[in-house]
PDBML (XML) file of the C-alpha atoms, coordinates in Angstrom:
<?xml version="1.0" encoding="UTF-8" ?>
<PDBx:datablock datablockName="MODEL"
   xmlns:PDBx="http://pdbml.pdb.org/schema/pdbx-v50.xsd"
   xmlns:xsi="http://www.w3.org/2001/XMLSchema-instance"
   xsi:schemaLocation="http://pdbml.pdb.org/schema/pdbx-v50.xsd pdbx-v50.xsd">
   <PDBx:atom_siteCategory>
      <PDBx:atom_site id="1">
         <PDBx:B_iso_or_equiv>0.00</PDBx:B_iso_or_equiv>
         <PDBx:Cartn_x>-61.230</PDBx:Cartn_x>
         <PDBx:Cartn_y>103.888</PDBx:Cartn_y>
         <PDBx:Cartn_z>-208.474</PDBx:Cartn_z>
         <PDBx:auth_asym_id>A</PDBx:auth_asym_id>
         <PDBx:auth_atom_id>CA</PDBx:auth_atom_id>
         <PDBx:auth_comp_id>UNK</PDBx:auth_comp_id>
         <PDBx:auth_seq_id>1</PDBx:auth_seq_id>
         <PDBx:group_PDB>ATOM</PDBx:group_PDB>
         <PDBx:label_alt_id xsi:nil="true" />
         <PDBx:label_asym_id>A</PDBx:label_asym_id>
         <PDBx:label_atom_id>CA</PDBx:label_atom_id>
         <PDBx:label_comp_id>UNK</PDBx:label_comp_id>
         <PDBx:label_entity_id>1</PDBx:label_entity_id>
         <PDBx:label_seq_id>1</PDBx:label_seq_id>
         <PDBx:occupancy>1.00</PDBx:occupancy>
         <PDBx:pdbx_PDB_model_num>1</PDBx:pdbx_PDB_model_num>
         <PDBx:type_symbol>C</PDBx:type_symbol>
      </PDBx:atom_site>
      <PDBx:atom_site id="2">
         <PDBx:B_iso_or_equiv>0.00</PDBx:B_iso_or_equiv>
         <PDBx:Cartn_x>-60.252</PDBx:Cartn_x>
         <PDBx:Cartn_y>107.589</PDBx:Cartn_y>
         <PDBx:Cartn_z>-208.495</PDBx:Cartn_z>
         <PDBx:auth_asym_id>A</PDBx:auth_asym_id>
         <PDBx:auth_atom_id>CA</PDBx:auth_atom_id>
         <PDBx:auth_comp_id>UNK</PDBx:auth_comp_id>
         <PDBx:auth_seq_id>2</PDBx:auth_seq_id>
         <PDBx:group_PDB>ATOM</PDBx:group_PDB>
         <PDBx:label_alt_id xsi:nil="true" />
         <PDBx:label_asym_id>A</PDBx:label_asym_id>
         <PDBx:label_atom_id>CA</PDBx:label_atom_id>
         <PDBx:label_comp_id>UNK</PDBx:label_comp_id>
         <PDBx:label_entity_id>1</PDBx:label_entity_id>
         <PDBx:label_seq_id>2</PDBx:label_seq_id>
         <PDBx:occupancy>1.00</PDBx:occupancy>
         <PDBx:pdbx_PDB_model_num>1</PDBx:pdbx_PDB_model_num>
         <PDBx:type_symbol>C</PDBx:type_symbol>
      </PDBx:atom_site>
      <PDBx:atom_site id="3">
         <PDBx:B_iso_or_equiv>0.00</PDBx:B_iso_or_equiv>
         <PDBx:Cartn_x>-63.123</PDBx:Cartn_x>
         <PDBx:Cartn_y>109.811</PDBx:Cartn_y>
         <PDBx:Cartn_z>-207.290</PDBx:Cartn_z>
         <PDBx:auth_asym_id>A</PDBx:auth_asym_id>
         <PDBx:auth_atom_id>CA</PDBx:auth_atom_id>
         <PDBx:auth_comp_id>UNK</PDBx:auth_comp_id>
         <PDBx:auth_seq_id>3</PDBx:auth_seq_id>
         <PDBx:group_PDB>ATOM</PDBx:group_PDB>
         <PDBx:label_alt_id xsi:nil="true" />
         <PDBx:label_asym_id>A</PDBx:label_asym_id>
         <PDBx:label_atom_id>CA</PDBx:label_atom_id>
         <PDBx:label_comp_id>UNK</PDBx:label_comp_id>
         <PDBx:label_entity_id>1</PDBx:label_entity_id>
         <PDBx:label_seq_id>3</PDBx:label_seq_id>
         <PDBx:occupancy>1.00</PDBx:occupancy>
         <PDBx:pdbx_PDB_model_num>1</PDBx:pdbx_PDB_model_num>
         <PDBx:type_symbol>C</PDBx:type_symbol>
      </PDBx:atom_site>
      <PDBx:atom_site id="4">
         <PDBx:B_iso_or_equiv>0.00</PDBx:B_iso_or_equiv>
         <PDBx:Cartn_x>-62.291</PDBx:Cartn_x>
         <PDBx:Cartn_y>112.918</PDBx:Cartn_y>
         <PDBx:Cartn_z>-209.360</PDBx:Cartn_z>
         <PDBx:auth_asym_id>A</PDBx:auth_asym_id>
         <PDBx:auth_atom_id>CA</PDBx:auth_atom_id>
         <PDBx:auth_comp_id>UNK</PDBx:auth_comp_id>
         <PDBx:auth_seq_id>4</PDBx:auth_seq_id>
         <PDBx:group_PDB>ATOM</PDBx:group_PDB>
         <PDBx:label_alt_id xsi:nil="true" />
         <PDBx:label_asym_id>A</PDBx:label_asym_id>
         <PDBx:label_atom_id>CA</PDBx:label_atom_id>
         <PDBx:label_comp_id>UNK</PDBx:label_comp_id>
         <PDBx:label_entity_id>1</PDBx:label_entity_id>
         <PDBx:label_seq_id>4</PDBx:label_seq_id>
         <PDBx:occupancy>1.00</PDBx:occupancy>
         <PDBx:pdbx_PDB_model_num>1</PDBx:pdbx_PDB_model_num>
         <PDBx:type_symbol>C</PDBx:type_symbol>
      </PDBx:atom_site>
      <PDBx:atom_site id="5">
         <PDBx:B_iso_or_equiv>0.00</PDBx:B_iso_or_equiv>
         <PDBx:Cartn_x>-60.906</PDBx:Cartn_x>
         <PDBx:Cartn_y>111.561</PDBx:Cartn_y>
         <PDBx:Cartn_z>-212.205</PDBx:Cartn_z>
         <PDBx:auth_asym_id>A</PDBx:auth_asym_id>
         <PDBx:auth_atom_id>CA</PDBx:auth_atom_id>
         <PDBx:auth_comp_id>UNK</PDBx:auth_comp_id>
         <PDBx:auth_seq_id>5</PDBx:auth_seq_id>
         <PDBx:group_PDB>ATOM</PDBx:group_PDB>
         <PDBx:label_alt_id xsi:nil="true" />
         <PDBx:label_asym_id>A</PDBx:label_asym_id>
         <PDBx:label_atom_id>CA</PDBx:label_atom_id>
         <PDBx:label_comp_id>UNK</PDBx:label_comp_id>
         <PDBx:label_entity_id>1</PDBx:label_entity_id>
         <PDBx:label_seq_id>5</PDBx:label_seq_id>
         <PDBx:occupancy>1.00</PDBx:occupancy>
         <PDBx:pdbx_PDB_model_num>1</PDBx:pdbx_PDB_model_num>
         <PDBx:type_symbol>C</PDBx:type_symbol>
      </PDBx:atom_site>
      <PDBx:atom_site id="6">
         <PDBx:B_iso_or_equiv>0.00</PDBx:B_iso_or_equiv>
         <PDBx:Cartn_x>-63.224</PDBx:Cartn_x>
         <PDBx:Cartn_y>108.010</PDBx:Cartn_y>
         <PDBx:Cartn_z>-212.559</PDBx:Cartn_z>
         <PDBx:auth_asym_id>A</PDBx:auth_asym_id>
         <PDBx:auth_atom_id>CA</PDBx:auth_atom_id>
         <PDBx:auth_comp_id>UNK</PDBx:auth_comp_id>
         <PDBx:auth_seq_id>6</PDBx:auth_seq_id>
         <PDBx:group_PDB>ATOM</PDBx:group_PDB>
         <PDBx:label_alt_id xsi:nil="true" />
         <PDBx:label_asym_id>A</PDBx:label_asym_id>
         <PDBx:label_atom_id>CA</PDBx:label_atom_id>
         <PDBx:label_comp_id>UNK</PDBx:label_comp_id>
         <PDBx:label_entity_id>1</PDBx:label_entity_id>
         <PDBx:label_seq_id>6</PDBx:label_seq_id>
         <PDBx:occupancy>1.00</PDBx:occupancy>
         <PDBx:pdbx_PDB_model_num>1</PDBx:pdbx_PDB_model_num>
         <PDBx:type_symbol>C</PDBx:type_symbol>
      </PDBx:atom_site>
      <PDBx:atom_site id="7">
         <PDBx:B_iso_or_equiv>0.00</PDBx:B_iso_or_equiv>
         <PDBx:Cartn_x>-60.172</PDBx:Cartn_x>
         <PDBx:Cartn_y>105.886</PDBx:Cartn_y>
         <PDBx:Cartn_z>-213.682</PDBx:Cartn_z>
         <PDBx:auth_asym_id>A</PDBx:auth_asym_id>
         <PDBx:auth_atom_id>CA</PDBx:auth_atom_id>
         <PDBx:auth_comp_id>UNK</PDBx:auth_comp_id>
         <PDBx:auth_seq_id>7</PDBx:auth_seq_id>
         <PDBx:group_PDB>ATOM</PDBx:group_PDB>
         <PDBx:label_alt_id xsi:nil="true" />
         <PDBx:label_asym_id>A</PDBx:label_asym_id>
         <PDBx:label_atom_id>CA</PDBx:label_atom_id>
         <PDBx:label_comp_id>UNK</PDBx:label_comp_id>
         <PDBx:label_entity_id>1</PDBx:label_entity_id>
         <PDBx:label_seq_id>7</PDBx:label_seq_id>
         <PDBx:occupancy>1.00</PDBx:occupancy>
         <PDBx:pdbx_PDB_model_num>1</PDBx:pdbx_PDB_model_num>
         <PDBx:type_symbol>C</PDBx:type_symbol>
      </PDBx:atom_site>
      <PDBx:atom_site id="8">
         <PDBx:B_iso_or_equiv>0.00</PDBx:B_iso_or_equiv>
         <PDBx:Cartn_x>-58.339</PDBx:Cartn_x>
         <PDBx:Cartn_y>102.787</PDBx:Cartn_y>
         <PDBx:Cartn_z>-212.032</PDBx:Cartn_z>
         <PDBx:auth_asym_id>A</PDBx:auth_asym_id>
         <PDBx:auth_atom_id>CA</PDBx:auth_atom_id>
         <PDBx:auth_comp_id>UNK</PDBx:auth_comp_id>
         <PDBx:auth_seq_id>8</PDBx:auth_seq_id>
         <PDBx:group_PDB>ATOM</PDBx:group_PDB>
         <PDBx:label_alt_id xsi:nil="true" />
         <PDBx:label_asym_id>A</PDBx:label_asym_id>
         <PDBx:label_atom_id>CA</PDBx:label_atom_id>
         <PDBx:label_comp_id>UNK</PDBx:label_comp_id>
         <PDBx:label_entity_id>1</PDBx:label_entity_id>
         <PDBx:label_seq_id>8</PDBx:label_seq_id>
         <PDBx:occupancy>1.00</PDBx:occupancy>
         <PDBx:pdbx_PDB_model_num>1</PDBx:pdbx_PDB_model_num>
         <PDBx:type_symbol>C</PDBx:type_symbol>
      </PDBx:atom_site>
      <PDBx:atom_site id="9">
         <PDBx:B_iso_or_equiv>0.00</PDBx:B_iso_or_equiv>
         <PDBx:Cartn_x>-55.302</PDBx:Cartn_x>
         <PDBx:Cartn_y>104.306</PDBx:Cartn_y>
         <PDBx:Cartn_z>-210.665</PDBx:Cartn_z>
         <PDBx:auth_asym_id>A</PDBx:auth_asym_id>
         <PDBx:auth_atom_id>CA</PDBx:auth_atom_id>
         <PDBx:auth_comp_id>UNK</PDBx:auth_comp_id>
         <PDBx:auth_seq_id>9</PDBx:auth_seq_id>
         <PDBx:group_PDB>ATOM</PDBx:group_PDB>
         <PDBx:label_alt_id xsi:nil="true" />
         <PDBx:label_asym_id>A</PDBx:label_asym_id>
         <PDBx:label_atom_id>CA</PDBx:label_atom_id>
         <PDBx:label_comp_id>UNK</PDBx:label_comp_id>
         <PDBx:label_entity_id>1</PDBx:label_entity_id>
         <PDBx:label_seq_id>9</PDBx:label_seq_id>
         <PDBx:occupancy>1.00</PDBx:occupancy>
         <PDBx:pdbx_PDB_model_num>1</PDBx:pdbx_PDB_model_num>
         <PDBx:type_symbol>C</PDBx:type_symbol>
      </PDBx:atom_site>
      <PDBx:atom_site id="10">
         <PDBx:B_iso_or_equiv>0.00</PDBx:B_iso_or_equiv>
         <PDBx:Cartn_x>-52.825</PDBx:Cartn_x>
         <PDBx:Cartn_y>103.290</PDBx:Cartn_y>
         <PDBx:Cartn_z>-207.798</PDBx:Cartn_z>
         <PDBx:auth_asym_id>A</PDBx:auth_asym_id>
         <PDBx:auth_atom_id>CA</PDBx:auth_atom_id>
         <PDBx:auth_comp_id>UNK</PDBx:auth_comp_id>
         <PDBx:auth_seq_id>10</PDBx:auth_seq_id>
         <PDBx:group_PDB>ATOM</PDBx:group_PDB>
         <PDBx:label_alt_id xsi:nil="true" />
         <PDBx:label_asym_id>A</PDBx:label_asym_id>
         <PDBx:label_atom_id>CA</PDBx:label_atom_id>
         <PDBx:label_comp_id>UNK</PDBx:label_comp_id>
         <PDBx:label_entity_id>1</PDBx:label_entity_id>
         <PDBx:label_seq_id>10</PDBx:label_seq_id>
         <PDBx:occupancy>1.00</PDBx:occupancy>
         <PDBx:pdbx_PDB_model_num>1</PDBx:pdbx_PDB_model_num>
         <PDBx:type_symbol>C</PDBx:type_symbol>
      </PDBx:atom_site>
      <PDBx:atom_site id="11">
         <PDBx:B_iso_or_equiv>0.00</PDBx:B_iso_or_equiv>
         <PDBx:Cartn_x>-53.450</PDBx:Cartn_x>
         <PDBx:Cartn_y>103.974</PDBx:Cartn_y>
         <PDBx:Cartn_z>-204.467</PDBx:Cartn_z>
         <PDBx:auth_asym_id>A</PDBx:auth_asym_id>
         <PDBx:auth_atom_id>CA</PDBx:auth_atom_id>
         <PDBx:auth_comp_id>UNK</PDBx:auth_comp_id>
         <PDBx:auth_seq_id>11</PDBx:auth_seq_id>
         <PDBx:group_PDB>ATOM</PDBx:group_PDB>
         <PDBx:label_alt_id xsi:nil="true" />
         <PDBx:label_asym_id>A</PDBx:label_asym_id>
         <PDBx:label_atom_id>CA</PDBx:label_atom_id>
         <PDBx:label_comp_id>UNK</PDBx:label_comp_id>
         <PDBx:label_entity_id>1</PDBx:label_entity_id>
         <PDBx:label_seq_id>11</PDBx:label_seq_id>
         <PDBx:occupancy>1.00</PDBx:occupancy>
         <PDBx:pdbx_PDB_model_num>1</PDBx:pdbx_PDB_model_num>
         <PDBx:type_symbol>C</PDBx:type_symbol>
      </PDBx:atom_site>
      <PDBx:atom_site id="12">
         <PDBx:B_iso_or_equiv>0.00</PDBx:B_iso_or_equiv>
         <PDBx:Cartn_x>-50.490</PDBx:Cartn_x>
         <PDBx:Cartn_y>104.271</PDBx:Cartn_y>
         <PDBx:Cartn_z>-201.762</PDBx:Cartn_z>
         <PDBx:auth_asym_id>A</PDBx:auth_asym_id>
         <PDBx:auth_atom_id>CA</PDBx:auth_atom_id>
         <PDBx:auth_comp_id>UNK</PDBx:auth_comp_id>
         <PDBx:auth_seq_id>12</PDBx:auth_seq_id>
         <PDBx:group_PDB>ATOM</PDBx:group_PDB>
         <PDBx:label_alt_id xsi:nil="true" />
         <PDBx:label_asym_id>A</PDBx:label_asym_id>
         <PDBx:label_atom_id>CA</PDBx:label_atom_id>
         <PDBx:label_comp_id>UNK</PDBx:label_comp_id>
         <PDBx:label_entity_id>1</PDBx:label_entity_id>
         <PDBx:label_seq_id>12</PDBx:label_seq_id>
         <PDBx:occupancy>1.00</PDBx:occupancy>
         <PDBx:pdbx_PDB_model_num>1</PDBx:pdbx_PDB_model_num>
         <PDBx:type_symbol>C</PDBx:type_symbol>
      </PDBx:atom_site>
      <PDBx:atom_site id="13">
         <PDBx:B_iso_or_equiv>0.00</PDBx:B_iso_or_equiv>
         <PDBx:Cartn_x>-52.210</PDBx:Cartn_x>
         <PDBx:Cartn_y>104.319</PDBx:Cartn_y>
         <PDBx:Cartn_z>-198.527</PDBx:Cartn_z>
         <PDBx:auth_asym_id>A</PDBx:auth_asym_id>
         <PDBx:auth_atom_id>CA</PDBx:auth_atom_id>
         <PDBx:auth_comp_id>UNK</PDBx:auth_comp_id>
         <PDBx:auth_seq_id>13</PDBx:auth_seq_id>
         <PDBx:group_PDB>ATOM</PDBx:group_PDB>
         <PDBx:label_alt_id xsi:nil="true" />
         <PDBx:label_asym_id>A</PDBx:label_asym_id>
         <PDBx:label_atom_id>CA</PDBx:label_atom_id>
         <PDBx:label_comp_id>UNK</PDBx:label_comp_id>
         <PDBx:label_entity_id>1</PDBx:label_entity_id>
         <PDBx:label_seq_id>13</PDBx:label_seq_id>
         <PDBx:occupancy>1.00</PDBx:occupancy>
         <PDBx:pdbx_PDB_model_num>1</PDBx:pdbx_PDB_model_num>
         <PDBx:type_symbol>C</PDBx:type_symbol>
      </PDBx:atom_site>
      <PDBx:atom_site id="14">
         <PDBx:B_iso_or_equiv>0.00</PDBx:B_iso_or_equiv>
         <PDBx:Cartn_x>-54.998</PDBx:Cartn_x>
         <PDBx:Cartn_y>103.153</PDBx:Cartn_y>
         <PDBx:Cartn_z>-196.434</PDBx:Cartn_z>
         <PDBx:auth_asym_id>A</PDBx:auth_asym_id>
         <PDBx:auth_atom_id>CA</PDBx:auth_atom_id>
         <PDBx:auth_comp_id>UNK</PDBx:auth_comp_id>
         <PDBx:auth_seq_id>14</PDBx:auth_seq_id>
         <PDBx:group_PDB>ATOM</PDBx:group_PDB>
         <PDBx:label_alt_id xsi:nil="true" />
         <PDBx:label_asym_id>A</PDBx:label_asym_id>
         <PDBx:label_atom_id>CA</PDBx:label_atom_id>
         <PDBx:label_comp_id>UNK</PDBx:label_comp_id>
         <PDBx:label_entity_id>1</PDBx:label_entity_id>
         <PDBx:label_seq_id>14</PDBx:label_seq_id>
         <PDBx:occupancy>1.00</PDBx:occupancy>
         <PDBx:pdbx_PDB_model_num>1</PDBx:pdbx_PDB_model_num>
         <PDBx:type_symbol>C</PDBx:type_symbol>
      </PDBx:atom_site>
      <PDBx:atom_site id="15">
         <PDBx:B_iso_or_equiv>0.00</PDBx:B_iso_or_equiv>
         <PDBx:Cartn_x>-58.094</PDBx:Cartn_x>
         <PDBx:Cartn_y>105.828</PDBx:Cartn_y>
         <PDBx:Cartn_z>-196.356</PDBx:Cartn_z>
         <PDBx:auth_asym_id>A</PDBx:auth_asym_id>
         <PDBx:auth_atom_id>CA</PDBx:auth_atom_id>
         <PDBx:auth_comp_id>UNK</PDBx:auth_comp_id>
         <PDBx:auth_seq_id>15</PDBx:auth_seq_id>
         <PDBx:group_PDB>ATOM</PDBx:group_PDB>
         <PDBx:label_alt_id xsi:nil="true" />
         <PDBx:label_asym_id>A</PDBx:label_asym_id>
         <PDBx:label_atom_id>CA</PDBx:label_atom_id>
         <PDBx:label_comp_id>UNK</PDBx:label_comp_id>
         <PDBx:label_entity_id>1</PDBx:label_entity_id>
         <PDBx:label_seq_id>15</PDBx:label_seq_id>
         <PDBx:occupancy>1.00</PDBx:occupancy>
         <PDBx:pdbx_PDB_model_num>1</PDBx:pdbx_PDB_model_num>
         <PDBx:type_symbol>C</PDBx:type_symbol>
      </PDBx:atom_site>
      <PDBx:atom_site id="16">
         <PDBx:B_iso_or_equiv>0.00</PDBx:B_iso_or_equiv>
         <PDBx:Cartn_x>-59.363</PDBx:Cartn_x>
         <PDBx:Cartn_y>106.171</PDBx:Cartn_y>
         <PDBx:Cartn_z>-192.527</PDBx:Cartn_z>
         <PDBx:auth_asym_id>A</PDBx:auth_asym_id>
         <PDBx:auth_atom_id>CA</PDBx:auth_atom_id>
         <PDBx:auth_comp_id>UNK</PDBx:auth_comp_id>
         <PDBx:auth_seq_id>16</PDBx:auth_seq_id>
         <PDBx:group_PDB>ATOM</PDBx:group_PDB>
         <PDBx:label_alt_id xsi:nil="true" />
         <PDBx:label_asym_id>A</PDBx:label_asym_id>
         <PDBx:label_atom_id>CA</PDBx:label_atom_id>
         <PDBx:label_comp_id>UNK</PDBx:label_comp_id>
         <PDBx:label_entity_id>1</PDBx:label_entity_id>
         <PDBx:label_seq_id>16</PDBx:label_seq_id>
         <PDBx:occupancy>1.00</PDBx:occupancy>
         <PDBx:pdbx_PDB_model_num>1</PDBx:pdbx_PDB_model_num>
         <PDBx:type_symbol>C</PDBx:type_symbol>
      </PDBx:atom_site>
      <PDBx:atom_site id="17">
         <PDBx:B_iso_or_equiv>0.00</PDBx:B_iso_or_equiv>
         <PDBx:Cartn_x>-62.743</PDBx:Cartn_x>
         <PDBx:Cartn_y>107.728</PDBx:Cartn_y>
         <PDBx:Cartn_z>-192.329</PDBx:Cartn_z>
         <PDBx:auth_asym_id>A</PDBx:auth_asym_id>
         <PDBx:auth_atom_id>CA</PDBx:auth_atom_id>
         <PDBx:auth_comp_id>UNK</PDBx:auth_comp_id>
         <PDBx:auth_seq_id>17</PDBx:auth_seq_id>
         <PDBx:group_PDB>ATOM</PDBx:group_PDB>
         <PDBx:label_alt_id xsi:nil="true" />
         <PDBx:label_asym_id>A</PDBx:label_asym_id>
         <PDBx:label_atom_id>CA</PDBx:label_atom_id>
         <PDBx:label_comp_id>UNK</PDBx:label_comp_id>
         <PDBx:label_entity_id>1</PDBx:label_entity_id>
         <PDBx:label_seq_id>17</PDBx:label_seq_id>
         <PDBx:occupancy>1.00</PDBx:occupancy>
         <PDBx:pdbx_PDB_model_num>1</PDBx:pdbx_PDB_model_num>
         <PDBx:type_symbol>C</PDBx:type_symbol>
      </PDBx:atom_site>
      <PDBx:atom_site id="18">
         <PDBx:B_iso_or_equiv>0.00</PDBx:B_iso_or_equiv>
         <PDBx:Cartn_x>-62.716</PDBx:Cartn_x>
         <PDBx:Cartn_y>110.431</PDBx:Cartn_y>
         <PDBx:Cartn_z>-189.828</PDBx:Cartn_z>
         <PDBx:auth_asym_id>A</PDBx:auth_asym_id>
         <PDBx:auth_atom_id>CA</PDBx:auth_atom_id>
         <PDBx:auth_comp_id>UNK</PDBx:auth_comp_id>
         <PDBx:auth_seq_id>18</PDBx:auth_seq_id>
         <PDBx:group_PDB>ATOM</PDBx:group_PDB>
         <PDBx:label_alt_id xsi:nil="true" />
         <PDBx:label_asym_id>A</PDBx:label_asym_id>
         <PDBx:label_atom_id>CA</PDBx:label_atom_id>
         <PDBx:label_comp_id>UNK</PDBx:label_comp_id>
         <PDBx:label_entity_id>1</PDBx:label_entity_id>
         <PDBx:label_seq_id>18</PDBx:label_seq_id>
         <PDBx:occupancy>1.00</PDBx:occupancy>
         <PDBx:pdbx_PDB_model_num>1</PDBx:pdbx_PDB_model_num>
         <PDBx:type_symbol>C</PDBx:type_symbol>
      </PDBx:atom_site>
      <PDBx:atom_site id="19">
         <PDBx:B_iso_or_equiv>0.00</PDBx:B_iso_or_equiv>
         <PDBx:Cartn_x>-64.681</PDBx:Cartn_x>
         <PDBx:Cartn_y>113.537</PDBx:Cartn_y>
         <PDBx:Cartn_z>-189.006</PDBx:Cartn_z>
         <PDBx:auth_asym_id>A</PDBx:auth_asym_id>
         <PDBx:auth_atom_id>CA</PDBx:auth_atom_id>
         <PDBx:auth_comp_id>UNK</PDBx:auth_comp_id>
         <PDBx:auth_seq_id>19</PDBx:auth_seq_id>
         <PDBx:group_PDB>ATOM</PDBx:group_PDB>
         <PDBx:label_alt_id xsi:nil="true" />
         <PDBx:label_asym_id>A</PDBx:label_asym_id>
         <PDBx:label_atom_id>CA</PDBx:label_atom_id>
         <PDBx:label_comp_id>UNK</PDBx:label_comp_id>
         <PDBx:label_entity_id>1</PDBx:label_entity_id>
         <PDBx:label_seq_id>19</PDBx:label_seq_id>
         <PDBx:occupancy>1.00</PDBx:occupancy>
         <PDBx:pdbx_PDB_model_num>1</PDBx:pdbx_PDB_model_num>
         <PDBx:type_symbol>C</PDBx:type_symbol>
      </PDBx:atom_site>
      <PDBx:atom_site id="20">
         <PDBx:B_iso_or_equiv>0.00</PDBx:B_iso_or_equiv>
         <PDBx:Cartn_x>-62.689</PDBx:Cartn_x>
         <PDBx:Cartn_y>116.796</PDBx:Cartn_y>
         <PDBx:Cartn_z>-189.558</PDBx:Cartn_z>
         <PDBx:auth_asym_id>A</PDBx:auth_asym_id>
         <PDBx:auth_atom_id>CA</PDBx:auth_atom_id>
         <PDBx:auth_comp_id>UNK</PDBx:auth_comp_id>
         <PDBx:auth_seq_id>20</PDBx:auth_seq_id>
         <PDBx:group_PDB>ATOM</PDBx:group_PDB>
         <PDBx:label_alt_id xsi:nil="true" />
         <PDBx:label_asym_id>A</PDBx:label_asym_id>
         <PDBx:label_atom_id>CA</PDBx:label_atom_id>
         <PDBx:label_comp_id>UNK</PDBx:label_comp_id>
         <PDBx:label_entity_id>1</PDBx:label_entity_id>
         <PDBx:label_seq_id>20</PDBx:label_seq_id>
         <PDBx:occupancy>1.00</PDBx:occupancy>
         <PDBx:pdbx_PDB_model_num>1</PDBx:pdbx_PDB_model_num>
         <PDBx:type_symbol>C</PDBx:type_symbol>
      </PDBx:atom_site>
      <PDBx:atom_site id="21">
         <PDBx:B_iso_or_equiv>0.00</PDBx:B_iso_or_equiv>
         <PDBx:Cartn_x>-61.131</PDBx:Cartn_x>
         <PDBx:Cartn_y>118.231</PDBx:Cartn_y>
         <PDBx:Cartn_z>-186.425</PDBx:Cartn_z>
         <PDBx:auth_asym_id>A</PDBx:auth_asym_id>
         <PDBx:auth_atom_id>CA</PDBx:auth_atom_id>
         <PDBx:auth_comp_id>UNK</PDBx:auth_comp_id>
         <PDBx:auth_seq_id>21</PDBx:auth_seq_id>
         <PDBx:group_PDB>ATOM</PDBx:group_PDB>
         <PDBx:label_alt_id xsi:nil="true" />
         <PDBx:label_asym_id>A</PDBx:label_asym_id>
         <PDBx:label_atom_id>CA</PDBx:label_atom_id>
         <PDBx:label_comp_id>UNK</PDBx:label_comp_id>
         <PDBx:label_entity_id>1</PDBx:label_entity_id>
         <PDBx:label_seq_id>21</PDBx:label_seq_id>
         <PDBx:occupancy>1.00</PDBx:occupancy>
         <PDBx:pdbx_PDB_model_num>1</PDBx:pdbx_PDB_model_num>
         <PDBx:type_symbol>C</PDBx:type_symbol>
      </PDBx:atom_site>
      <PDBx:atom_site id="22">
         <PDBx:B_iso_or_equiv>0.00</PDBx:B_iso_or_equiv>
         <PDBx:Cartn_x>-60.498</PDBx:Cartn_x>
         <PDBx:Cartn_y>114.251</PDBx:Cartn_y>
         <PDBx:Cartn_z>-185.093</PDBx:Cartn_z>
         <PDBx:auth_asym_id>A</PDBx:auth_asym_id>
         <PDBx:auth_atom_id>CA</PDBx:auth_atom_id>
         <PDBx:auth_comp_id>UNK</PDBx:auth_comp_id>
         <PDBx:auth_seq_id>22</PDBx:auth_seq_id>
         <PDBx:group_PDB>ATOM</PDBx:group_PDB>
         <PDBx:label_alt_id xsi:nil="true" />
         <PDBx:label_asym_id>A</PDBx:label_asym_id>
         <PDBx:label_atom_id>CA</PDBx:label_atom_id>
         <PDBx:label_comp_id>UNK</PDBx:label_comp_id>
         <PDBx:label_entity_id>1</PDBx:label_entity_id>
         <PDBx:label_seq_id>22</PDBx:label_seq_id>
         <PDBx:occupancy>1.00</PDBx:occupancy>
         <PDBx:pdbx_PDB_model_num>1</PDBx:pdbx_PDB_model_num>
         <PDBx:type_symbol>C</PDBx:type_symbol>
      </PDBx:atom_site>
      <PDBx:atom_site id="23">
         <PDBx:B_iso_or_equiv>0.00</PDBx:B_iso_or_equiv>
         <PDBx:Cartn_x>-57.110</PDBx:Cartn_x>
         <PDBx:Cartn_y>114.222</PDBx:Cartn_y>
         <PDBx:Cartn_z>-183.788</PDBx:Cartn_z>
         <PDBx:auth_asym_id>A</PDBx:auth_asym_id>
         <PDBx:auth_atom_id>CA</PDBx:auth_atom_id>
         <PDBx:auth_comp_id>UNK</PDBx:auth_comp_id>
         <PDBx:auth_seq_id>23</PDBx:auth_seq_id>
         <PDBx:group_PDB>ATOM</PDBx:group_PDB>
         <PDBx:label_alt_id xsi:nil="true" />
         <PDBx:label_asym_id>A</PDBx:label_asym_id>
         <PDBx:label_atom_id>CA</PDBx:label_atom_id>
         <PDBx:label_comp_id>UNK</PDBx:label_comp_id>
         <PDBx:label_entity_id>1</PDBx:label_entity_id>
         <PDBx:label_seq_id>23</PDBx:label_seq_id>
         <PDBx:occupancy>1.00</PDBx:occupancy>
         <PDBx:pdbx_PDB_model_num>1</PDBx:pdbx_PDB_model_num>
         <PDBx:type_symbol>C</PDBx:type_symbol>
      </PDBx:atom_site>
      <PDBx:atom_site id="24">
         <PDBx:B_iso_or_equiv>0.00</PDBx:B_iso_or_equiv>
         <PDBx:Cartn_x>-54.068</PDBx:Cartn_x>
         <PDBx:Cartn_y>112.827</PDBx:Cartn_y>
         <PDBx:Cartn_z>-185.586</PDBx:Cartn_z>
         <PDBx:auth_asym_id>A</PDBx:auth_asym_id>
         <PDBx:auth_atom_id>CA</PDBx:auth_atom_id>
         <PDBx:auth_comp_id>UNK</PDBx:auth_comp_id>
         <PDBx:auth_seq_id>24</PDBx:auth_seq_id>
         <PDBx:group_PDB>ATOM</PDBx:group_PDB>
         <PDBx:label_alt_id xsi:nil="true" />
         <PDBx:label_asym_id>A</PDBx:label_asym_id>
         <PDBx:label_atom_id>CA</PDBx:label_atom_id>
         <PDBx:label_comp_id>UNK</PDBx:label_comp_id>
         <PDBx:label_entity_id>1</PDBx:label_entity_id>
         <PDBx:label_seq_id>24</PDBx:label_seq_id>
         <PDBx:occupancy>1.00</PDBx:occupancy>
         <PDBx:pdbx_PDB_model_num>1</PDBx:pdbx_PDB_model_num>
         <PDBx:type_symbol>C</PDBx:type_symbol>
      </PDBx:atom_site>
      <PDBx:atom_site id="25">
         <PDBx:B_iso_or_equiv>0.00</PDBx:B_iso_or_equiv>
         <PDBx:Cartn_x>-51.691</PDBx:Cartn_x>
         <PDBx:Cartn_y>110.472</PDBx:Cartn_y>
         <PDBx:Cartn_z>-183.894</PDBx:Cartn_z>
         <PDBx:auth_asym_id>A</PDBx:auth_asym_id>
         <PDBx:auth_atom_id>CA</PDBx:auth_atom_id>
         <PDBx:auth_comp_id>UNK</PDBx:auth_comp_id>
         <PDBx:auth_seq_id>25</PDBx:auth_seq_id>
         <PDBx:group_PDB>ATOM</PDBx:group_PDB>
         <PDBx:label_alt_id xsi:nil="true" />
         <PDBx:label_asym_id>A</PDBx:label_asym_id>
         <PDBx:label_atom_id>CA</PDBx:label_atom_id>
         <PDBx:label_comp_id>UNK</PDBx:label_comp_id>
         <PDBx:label_entity_id>1</PDBx:label_entity_id>
         <PDBx:label_seq_id>25</PDBx:label_seq_id>
         <PDBx:occupancy>1.00</PDBx:occupancy>
         <PDBx:pdbx_PDB_model_num>1</PDBx:pdbx_PDB_model_num>
         <PDBx:type_symbol>C</PDBx:type_symbol>
      </PDBx:atom_site>
   </PDBx:atom_siteCategory>
</PDBx:datablock>
């Protein structure tokens, strides 16, 4: 479910919950 358009769409990755400012490796 797309959080903006509220429709089912293809999601092509993995959402990793993190705080703004966390290091990306």
